[in-house]
PDB file of N, CA and C in Angstrom:
ATOM      1  N   MET A   1     -23.018 -29.789  -7.150  1.00  0.00           N
ATOM      2  CA  MET A   1     -23.131 -28.677  -7.718  1.00  0.00           C
ATOM      3  C   MET A   1     -21.681 -28.352  -7.500  1.00  0.00           C
ATOM      4  N   LEU A   2     -21.234 -27.969  -6.331  1.00  0.00           N
ATOM      5  CA  LEU A   2     -19.774 -27.077  -5.894  1.00  0.00           C
ATOM      6  C   LEU A   2     -18.875 -28.413  -6.811  1.00  0.00           C
ATOM      7  N   ALA A   3     -18.875 -29.512  -6.366  1.00  0.00           N
ATOM      8  CA  ALA A   3     -18.341 -30.525  -6.397  1.00  0.00           C
ATOM      9  C   ALA A   3     -17.825 -30.556  -8.245  1.00  0.00           C
ATOM     10  N   LEU A   4     -19.261 -30.973  -8.919  1.00  0.00           N
ATOM     11  CA  LEU A   4     -18.336 -30.494 -10.512  1.00  0.00           C
ATOM     12  C   LEU A   4     -17.947 -29.619 -10.935  1.00  0.00           C
ATOM     13  N   SER A   5     -18.184 -28.262 -10.748  1.00  0.00           N
ATOM     14  CA  SER A   5     -17.936 -26.886 -10.936  1.00  0.00           C
ATOM     15  C   SER A   5     -15.818 -26.876 -10.413  1.00  0.00           C
ATOM     16  N   LEU A   6     -15.599 -27.203  -9.537  1.00  0.00           N
ATOM     17  CA  LEU A   6     -14.200 -27.734  -9.114  1.00  0.00           C
ATOM     18  C   LEU A   6     -13.705 -29.029  -9.998  1.00  0.00           C
ATOM     19  N   PHE A   7     -14.106 -29.942 -10.949  1.00  0.00           N
ATOM     20  CA  PHE A   7     -13.692 -30.326 -11.806  1.00  0.00           C
ATOM     21  C   PHE A   7     -13.427 -30.225 -13.283  1.00  0.00           C
ATOM     22  N   ARG A   8     -13.960 -28.305 -13.350  1.00  0.00           N
ATOM     23  CA  ARG A   8     -14.789 -28.643 -14.882  1.00  0.00           C
ATOM     24  C   ARG A   8     -13.565 -27.672 -15.718  1.00  0.00           C
ATOM     25  N   ARG A   9     -13.289 -28.403 -16.792  1.00  0.00           N
ATOM     26  CA  ARG A   9     -12.097 -27.699 -17.412  1.00  0.00           C
ATOM     27  C   ARG A   9     -12.332 -26.348 -17.956  1.00  0.00           C
ATOM     28  N   ARG A  10     -11.020 -25.508 -17.760  1.00  0.00           N
ATOM     29  CA  ARG A  10     -11.501 -23.692 -18.382  1.00  0.00           C
ATOM     30  C   ARG A  10     -11.493 -24.380 -19.556  1.00  0.00           C
ATOM     31  N   GLN A  11     -12.584 -23.393 -20.859  1.00  0.00           N
ATOM     32  CA  GLN A  11     -12.262 -23.256 -22.012  1.00  0.00           C
ATOM     33  C   GLN A  11     -11.603 -22.465 -22.287  1.00  0.00           C
ATOM     34  N   PRO A  12     -10.325 -23.364 -23.796  1.00  0.00           N
ATOM     35  CA  PRO A  12      -9.333 -22.358 -23.802  1.00  0.00           C
ATOM     36  C   PRO A  12      -9.867 -20.970 -24.486  1.00  0.00           C
ATOM     37  N   GLU A  13      -9.028 -20.258 -24.868  1.00  0.00           N
ATOM     38  CA  GLU A  13      -8.972 -18.889 -24.747  1.00  0.00           C
ATOM     39  C   GLU A  13      -8.289 -18.498 -26.070  1.00  0.00           C
ATOM     40  N   TYR A  14      -9.048 -18.121 -26.753  1.00  0.00           N
ATOM     41  CA  TYR A  14      -7.683 -17.166 -28.192  1.00  0.00           C
ATOM     42  C   TYR A  14      -7.308 -16.101 -28.221  1.00  0.00           C
ATOM     43  N   TYR A  15      -6.108 -15.991 -28.168  1.00  0.00           N
ATOM     44  CA  TYR A  15      -5.905 -14.238 -28.248  1.00  0.00           C
ATOM     45  C   TYR A  15      -4.892 -13.980 -29.418  1.00  0.00           C
ATOM     46  N   ALA A  16      -4.743 -12.803 -29.990  1.00  0.00           N
ATOM     47  CA  ALA A  16      -4.294 -11.959 -31.222  1.00  0.00           C
ATOM     48  C   ALA A  16      -3.228 -10.871 -30.672  1.00  0.00           C
ATOM     49  N   GLN A  17      -1.910 -11.545 -31.042  1.00  0.00           N
ATOM     50  CA  GLN A  17      -0.813 -10.587 -30.719  1.00  0.00           C
ATOM     51  C   GLN A  17      -0.348  -9.324 -31.438  1.00  0.00           C
ATOM     52  N   LEU A  18      -0.918  -7.887 -30.943  1.00  0.00           N
ATOM     53  CA  LEU A  18      -1.063  -7.091 -32.346  1.00  0.00           C
ATOM     54  C   LEU A  18       0.643  -6.081 -32.262  1.00  0.00           C
ATOM     55  N   ASP A  19       0.868  -5.546 -32.973  1.00  0.00           N
ATOM     56  CA  ASP A  19       2.131  -4.379 -33.143  1.00  0.00           C
ATOM     57  C   ASP A  19       1.392  -3.480 -32.594  1.00  0.00           C
ATOM     58  N   GLN A  20       2.420  -2.146 -32.780  1.00  0.00           N
ATOM     59  CA  GLN A  20       2.045  -1.101 -32.389  1.00  0.00           C
ATOM     60  C   GLN A  20       1.163  -0.421 -33.443  1.00  0.00           C
ATOM     61  N   ARG A  21       0.902  -0.864 -34.859  1.00  0.00           N
ATOM     62  CA  ARG A  21      -0.237  -0.176 -35.501  1.00  0.00           C
ATOM     63  C   ARG A  21      -1.278  -1.012 -35.360  1.00  0.00           C
ATOM     64  N   GLY A  22      -1.795  -2.057 -34.583  1.00  0.00           N
ATOM     65  CA  GLY A  22      -2.910  -2.844 -34.200  1.00  0.00           C
ATOM     66  C   GLY A  22      -3.121  -4.288 -35.336  1.00  0.00           C
ATOM     67  N   HIS A  23      -2.490  -4.050 -36.244  1.00  0.00           N
ATOM     68  CA  HIS A  23      -1.417  -5.470 -37.028  1.00  0.00           C
ATOM     69  C   HIS A  23      -1.162  -6.647 -36.311  1.00  0.00           C
ATOM     70  N   CYS A  24      -2.418  -7.583 -36.669  1.00  0.00           N
ATOM     71  CA  CYS A  24      -1.860  -8.867 -35.916  1.00  0.00           C
ATOM     72  C   CYS A  24      -0.712  -9.852 -36.723  1.00  0.00           C
ATOM     73  N   LEU A  25       0.434 -10.107 -35.401  1.00  0.00           N
ATOM     74  CA  LEU A  25       1.557 -10.335 -35.617  1.00  0.00           C
ATOM     75  C   LEU A  25       1.036 -12.015 -35.288  1.00  0.00           C
ATOM     76  N   ALA A  26       0.528 -12.714 -34.529  1.00  0.00           N
ATOM     77  CA  ALA A  26       0.271 -13.571 -34.258  1.00  0.00           C
ATOM     78  C   ALA A  26      -0.636 -14.127 -33.784  1.00  0.00           C
ATOM     79  N   LEU A  27      -1.066 -15.367 -33.698  1.00  0.00           N
ATOM     80  CA  LEU A  27      -2.111 -15.620 -32.627  1.00  0.00           C
ATOM     81  C   LEU A  27      -1.899 -17.378 -31.884  1.00  0.00           C
ATOM     82  N   TRP A  28      -3.030 -17.568 -30.762  1.00  0.00           N
ATOM     83  CA  TRP A  28      -1.983 -18.112 -29.414  1.00  0.00           C
ATOM     84  C   TRP A  28      -3.588 -18.915 -29.299  1.00  0.00           C
ATOM     85  N   GLN A  29      -3.557 -19.635 -28.810  1.00  0.00           N
ATOM     86  CA  GLN A  29      -4.376 -20.474 -27.464  1.00  0.00           C
ATOM     87  C   GLN A  29      -3.871 -20.359 -26.247  1.00  0.00           C
ATOM     88  N   LEU A  30      -4.744 -19.745 -25.313  1.00  0.00           N
ATOM     89  CA  LEU A  30      -3.491 -19.677 -24.205  1.00  0.00           C
ATOM     90  C   LEU A  30      -4.907 -19.470 -22.683  1.00  0.00           C
ATOM     91  N   SER A  31      -3.770 -19.903 -21.500  1.00  0.00           N
ATOM     92  CA  SER A  31      -5.027 -20.061 -20.204  1.00  0.00           C
ATOM     93  C   SER A  31      -5.451 -18.855 -19.945  1.00  0.00           C
ATOM     94  N   GLN A  32      -4.701 -17.624 -20.260  1.00  0.00           N
ATOM     95  CA  GLN A  32      -4.930 -16.608 -19.198  1.00  0.00           C
ATOM     96  C   GLN A  32      -4.328 -15.522 -20.453  1.00  0.00           C
ATOM     97  N   ARG A  33      -4.752 -14.315 -20.475  1.00  0.00           N
ATOM     98  CA  ARG A  33      -4.558 -13.105 -20.948  1.00  0.00           C
ATOM     99  C   ARG A  33      -3.169 -13.054 -20.811  1.00  0.00           C
ATOM    100  N   PRO A  34      -1.886 -12.805 -21.739  1.00  0.00           N
ATOM    101  CA  PRO A  34      -0.126 -12.443 -21.025  1.00  0.00           C
ATOM    102  C   PRO A  34      -0.477 -10.732 -20.565  1.00  0.00           C
ATOM    103  N   SER A  35       0.492 -10.679 -19.924  1.00  0.00           N
ATOM    104  CA  SER A  35       0.628  -9.494 -18.688  1.00  0.00           C
ATOM    105  C   SER A  35       1.192  -8.716 -19.967  1.00  0.00           C
ATOM    106  N   GLU A  36       1.808  -8.774 -20.651  1.00  0.00           N
ATOM    107  CA  GLU A  36       3.145  -7.690 -21.481  1.00  0.00           C
ATOM    108  C   GLU A  36       3.098  -7.861 -23.019  1.00  0.00           C
ATOM    109  N   GLY A  37       2.591  -6.503 -23.599  1.00  0.00           N
ATOM    110  CA  GLY A  37       2.272  -6.192 -25.107  1.00  0.00           C
ATOM    111  C   GLY A  37       1.005  -5.944 -25.142  1.00  0.00           C
ATOM    112  N   LYS A  38       0.674  -6.048 -26.845  1.00  0.00           N
ATOM    113  CA  LYS A  38      -0.983  -5.304 -26.662  1.00  0.00           C
ATOM    114  C   LYS A  38      -1.366  -7.456 -27.488  1.00  0.00           C
ATOM    115  N   TRP A  39      -2.511  -7.103 -26.653  1.00  0.00           N
ATOM    116  CA  TRP A  39      -3.312  -8.612 -27.048  1.00  0.00           C
ATOM    117  C   TRP A  39      -4.843  -8.210 -26.861  1.00  0.00           C
ATOM    118  N   GLU A  40      -5.312  -9.088 -28.078  1.00  0.00           N
ATOM    119  CA  GLU A  40      -7.354  -9.314 -28.113  1.00  0.00           C
ATOM    120  C   GLU A  40      -7.625 -10.458 -28.222  1.00  0.00           C
ATOM    121  N   ARG A  41      -8.299 -10.421 -27.178  1.00  0.00           N
ATOM    122  CA  ARG A  41      -9.299 -11.660 -26.979  1.00  0.00           C
ATOM    123  C   ARG A  41      -9.965 -11.591 -28.021  1.00  0.00           C
ATOM    124  N   VAL A  42      -9.824 -13.143 -28.904  1.00  0.00           N
ATOM    125  CA  VAL A  42     -10.767 -13.427 -30.359  1.00  0.00           C
ATOM    126  C   VAL A  42     -12.014 -14.527 -29.831  1.00  0.00           C
ATOM    127  N   THR A  43     -12.025 -14.262 -30.923  1.00  0.00           N
ATOM    128  CA  THR A  43     -13.514 -15.549 -30.578  1.00  0.00           C
ATOM    129  C   THR A  43     -12.802 -16.981 -31.721  1.00  0.00           C
ATOM    130  N   GLU A  44     -11.920 -17.023 -32.263  1.00  0.00           N
ATOM    131  CA  GLU A  44     -11.302 -18.251 -33.002  1.00  0.00           C
ATOM    132  C   GLU A  44      -9.948 -17.898 -33.379  1.00  0.00           C
ATOM    133  N   LEU A  45      -9.135 -19.037 -34.128  1.00  0.00           N
ATOM    134  CA  LEU A  45      -7.665 -18.515 -34.204  1.00  0.00           C
ATOM    135  C   LEU A  45      -7.683 -18.618 -36.054  1.00  0.00           C
ATOM    136  N   ASP A  46      -7.661 -17.684 -36.231  1.00  0.00           N
ATOM    137  CA  ASP A  46      -7.695 -17.685 -37.659  1.00  0.00           C
ATOM    138  C   ASP A  46      -6.868 -17.151 -38.794  1.00  0.00           C
ATOM    139  N   PRO A  47      -5.830 -17.673 -39.436  1.00  0.00           N
ATOM    140  CA  PRO A  47      -4.582 -17.363 -40.191  1.00  0.00           C
ATOM    141  C   PRO A  47      -4.642 -16.327 -40.709  1.00  0.00           C
ATOM    142  N   ARG A  48      -5.834 -16.187 -41.636  1.00  0.00           N
ATOM    143  CA  ARG A  48      -5.869 -14.935 -42.718  1.00  0.00           C
ATOM    144  C   ARG A  48      -5.563 -13.776 -41.746  1.00  0.00           C
ATOM    145  N   TRP A  49      -5.740 -13.705 -40.674  1.00  0.00           N
ATOM    146  CA  TRP A  49      -5.894 -11.912 -40.432  1.00  0.00           C
ATOM    147  C   TRP A  49      -4.901 -11.757 -39.700  1.00  0.00           C
ATOM    148  N   ILE A  50      -3.303 -12.605 -39.751  1.00  0.00           N
ATOM    149  CA  ILE A  50      -2.053 -12.480 -39.203  1.00  0.00           C
ATOM    150  C   ILE A  50      -1.387 -11.216 -40.478  1.00  0.00           C
ATOM    151  N   GLY A  51      -0.564 -10.222 -40.125  1.00  0.00           N
ATOM    152  CA  GLY A  51      -0.298  -9.098 -41.147  1.00  0.00           C
ATOM    153  C   GLY A  51      -1.854  -7.884 -41.148  1.00  0.00           C
ATOM    154  N   SER A  52      -2.605  -8.318 -40.526  1.00  0.00           N
ATOM    155  CA  SER A  52      -3.792  -7.402 -40.958  1.00  0.00           C
ATOM    156  C   SER A  52      -4.215  -6.687 -40.052  1.00  0.00           C
ATOM    157  N   LEU A  53      -5.577  -5.912 -40.069  1.00  0.00           N
ATOM    158  CA  LEU A  53      -6.575  -5.555 -38.539  1.00  0.00           C
ATOM    159  C   LEU A  53      -7.014  -6.425 -38.285  1.00  0.00           C
ATOM    160  N   LEU A  54      -7.453  -6.917 -36.918  1.00  0.00           N
ATOM    161  CA  LEU A  54      -8.615  -7.734 -36.857  1.00  0.00           C
ATOM    162  C   LEU A  54      -9.924  -7.621 -37.083  1.00  0.00           C
ATOM    163  N   PRO A  55     -10.554  -8.329 -37.668  1.00  0.00           N
ATOM    164  CA  PRO A  55     -12.200  -8.185 -38.169  1.00  0.00           C
ATOM    165  C   PRO A  55     -12.854  -7.246 -36.651  1.00  0.00           C
ATOM    166  N   ALA A  56     -13.704  -6.739 -36.954  1.00  0.00           N
ATOM    167  CA  ALA A  56     -14.577  -5.923 -35.635  1.00  0.00           C
ATOM    168  C   ALA A  56     -15.085  -7.378 -35.090  1.00  0.00           C
ATOM    169  N   HIS A  57     -15.559  -7.866 -36.059  1.00  0.00           N
ATOM    170  CA  HIS A  57     -16.584  -9.104 -35.302  1.00  0.00           C
ATOM    171  C   HIS A  57     -16.250 -10.417 -34.280  1.00  0.00           C
ATOM    172  N   ALA A  58     -14.213 -10.279 -34.436  1.00  0.00           N
ATOM    173  CA  ALA A  58     -13.485 -11.496 -34.090  1.00  0.00           C
ATOM    174  C   ALA A  58     -13.267 -10.863 -32.826  1.00  0.00           C
ATOM    175  N   VAL A  59     -12.826  -9.300 -32.442  1.00  0.00           N
ATOM    176  CA  VAL A  59     -12.850  -9.452 -31.005  1.00  0.00           C
ATOM    177  C   VAL A  59     -13.513  -8.863 -29.664  1.00  0.00           C
ATOM    178  N   LEU A  60     -13.452 -10.091 -28.898  1.00  0.00           N
ATOM    179  CA  LEU A  60     -14.293 -10.039 -27.903  1.00  0.00           C
ATOM    180  C   LEU A  60     -13.435  -9.241 -26.618  1.00  0.00           C
ATOM    181  N   PRO A  61     -15.040  -8.574 -25.848  1.00  0.00           N
ATOM    182  CA  PRO A  61     -14.275  -7.295 -24.897  1.00  0.00           C
ATOM    183  C   PRO A  61     -13.498  -8.369 -23.746  1.00  0.00           C
ATOM    184  N   SER A  62     -12.601  -7.531 -23.298  1.00  0.00           N
ATOM    185  CA  SER A  62     -11.853  -8.034 -22.062  1.00  0.00           C
ATOM    186  C   SER A  62     -12.405  -8.293 -20.720  1.00  0.00           C
ATOM    187  N   ARG A  63     -12.189  -9.165 -20.027  1.00  0.00           N
ATOM    188  CA  ARG A  63     -13.070 -10.376 -18.898  1.00  0.00           C
ATOM    189  C   ARG A  63     -12.696  -9.243 -17.893  1.00  0.00           C
ATOM    190  N   GLU A  64     -11.629  -7.672 -18.032  1.00  0.00           N
ATOM    191  CA  GLU A  64     -11.369  -6.605 -17.072  1.00  0.00           C
ATOM    192  C   GLU A  64     -12.232  -5.945 -17.414  1.00  0.00           C
ATOM    193  N   ARG A  65     -12.438  -5.275 -18.727  1.00  0.00           N
ATOM    194  CA  ARG A  65     -13.969  -4.772 -19.127  1.00  0.00           C
ATOM    195  C   ARG A  65     -15.175  -4.713 -19.141  1.00  0.00           C
ATOM    196  N   SER A  66     -15.461  -6.315 -18.751  1.00  0.00           N
ATOM    197  CA  SER A  66     -16.650  -6.589 -18.909  1.00  0.00           C
ATOM    198  C   SER A  66     -17.051  -6.648 -17.362  1.00  0.00           C
ATOM    199  N   ARG A  67     -16.224  -7.122 -16.950  1.00  0.00           N
ATOM    200  CA  ARG A  67     -16.679  -6.862 -15.172  1.00  0.00           C
ATOM    201  C   ARG A  67     -16.666  -5.353 -14.746  1.00  0.00           C
ATOM    202  N   ALA A  68     -16.307  -4.175 -14.976  1.00  0.00           N
ATOM    203  CA  ALA A  68     -15.802  -3.079 -14.629  1.00  0.00           C
ATOM    204  C   ALA A  68     -17.487  -2.559 -14.980  1.00  0.00           C
ATOM    205  N   ASN A  69     -17.684  -2.826 -16.863  1.00  0.00           N
ATOM    206  CA  ASN A  69     -19.061  -2.388 -17.206  1.00  0.00           C
ATOM    207  C   ASN A  69     -20.398  -2.866 -17.186  1.00  0.00           C
ATOM    208  N   ARG A  70     -20.386  -4.041 -16.447  1.00  0.00           N
ATOM    209  CA  ARG A  70     -21.027  -4.784 -15.541  1.00  0.00           C
ATOM    210  C   ARG A  70     -21.720  -4.348 -14.098  1.00  0.00           C
ATOM    211  N   TRP A  71     -20.418  -4.067 -13.409  1.00  0.00           N
ATOM    212  CA  TRP A  71     -20.617  -3.271 -12.120  1.00  0.00           C
ATOM    213  C   TRP A  71     -21.028  -2.104 -12.256  1.00  0.00           C
ATOM    214  N   ARG A  72     -20.541  -0.952 -12.973  1.00  0.00           N
ATOM    215  CA  ARG A  72     -21.035  -0.223 -13.082  1.00  0.00           C
ATOM    216  C   ARG A  72     -22.899  -0.105 -13.740  1.00  0.00           C
ATOM    217  N   LEU A  73     -22.943  -0.426 -14.785  1.00  0.00           N
ATOM    218  CA  LEU A  73     -24.559  -0.802 -15.418  1.00  0.00           C
ATOM    219  C   LEU A  73     -25.476  -1.045 -14.247  1.00  0.00           C
ATOM    220  N   HIS A  74     -24.737  -2.079 -12.944  1.00  0.00           N
ATOM    221  CA  HIS A  74     -25.517  -2.873 -12.217  1.00  0.00           C
ATOM    222  C   HIS A  74     -26.282  -1.612 -10.854  1.00  0.00           C
ATOM    223  N   HIS A  75     -25.027  -1.305 -11.083  1.00  0.00           N
ATOM    224  CA  HIS A  75     -24.859   0.200  -9.353  1.00  0.00           C
ATOM    225  C   HIS A  75     -25.519   1.463 -10.120  1.00  0.00           C
ATOM    226  N   ALA A  76     -25.415   1.834 -11.127  1.00  0.00           N
ATOM    227  CA  ALA A  76     -25.472   3.033 -11.827  1.00  0.00           C
ATOM    228  C   ALA A  76     -26.706   3.453 -11.554  1.00  0.00           C
TER     229      ALA A  76
END
């Protein structure tokens, strides 16, 4: 089982690059979250979002926030 997990390809993740007001500037498929700028992980790449605010259903929780919340909920 461990051997199979070593060869499993990581699923692509989709990110929206946001401006200072929270409007979508661009959509990207990346292997990891960029370290600089304002980025949100999204469910898909929908070009209709460019130039506007992201719909609430499209924004996924970041992995860092998910880990922190999981720890707090588990150990509370």
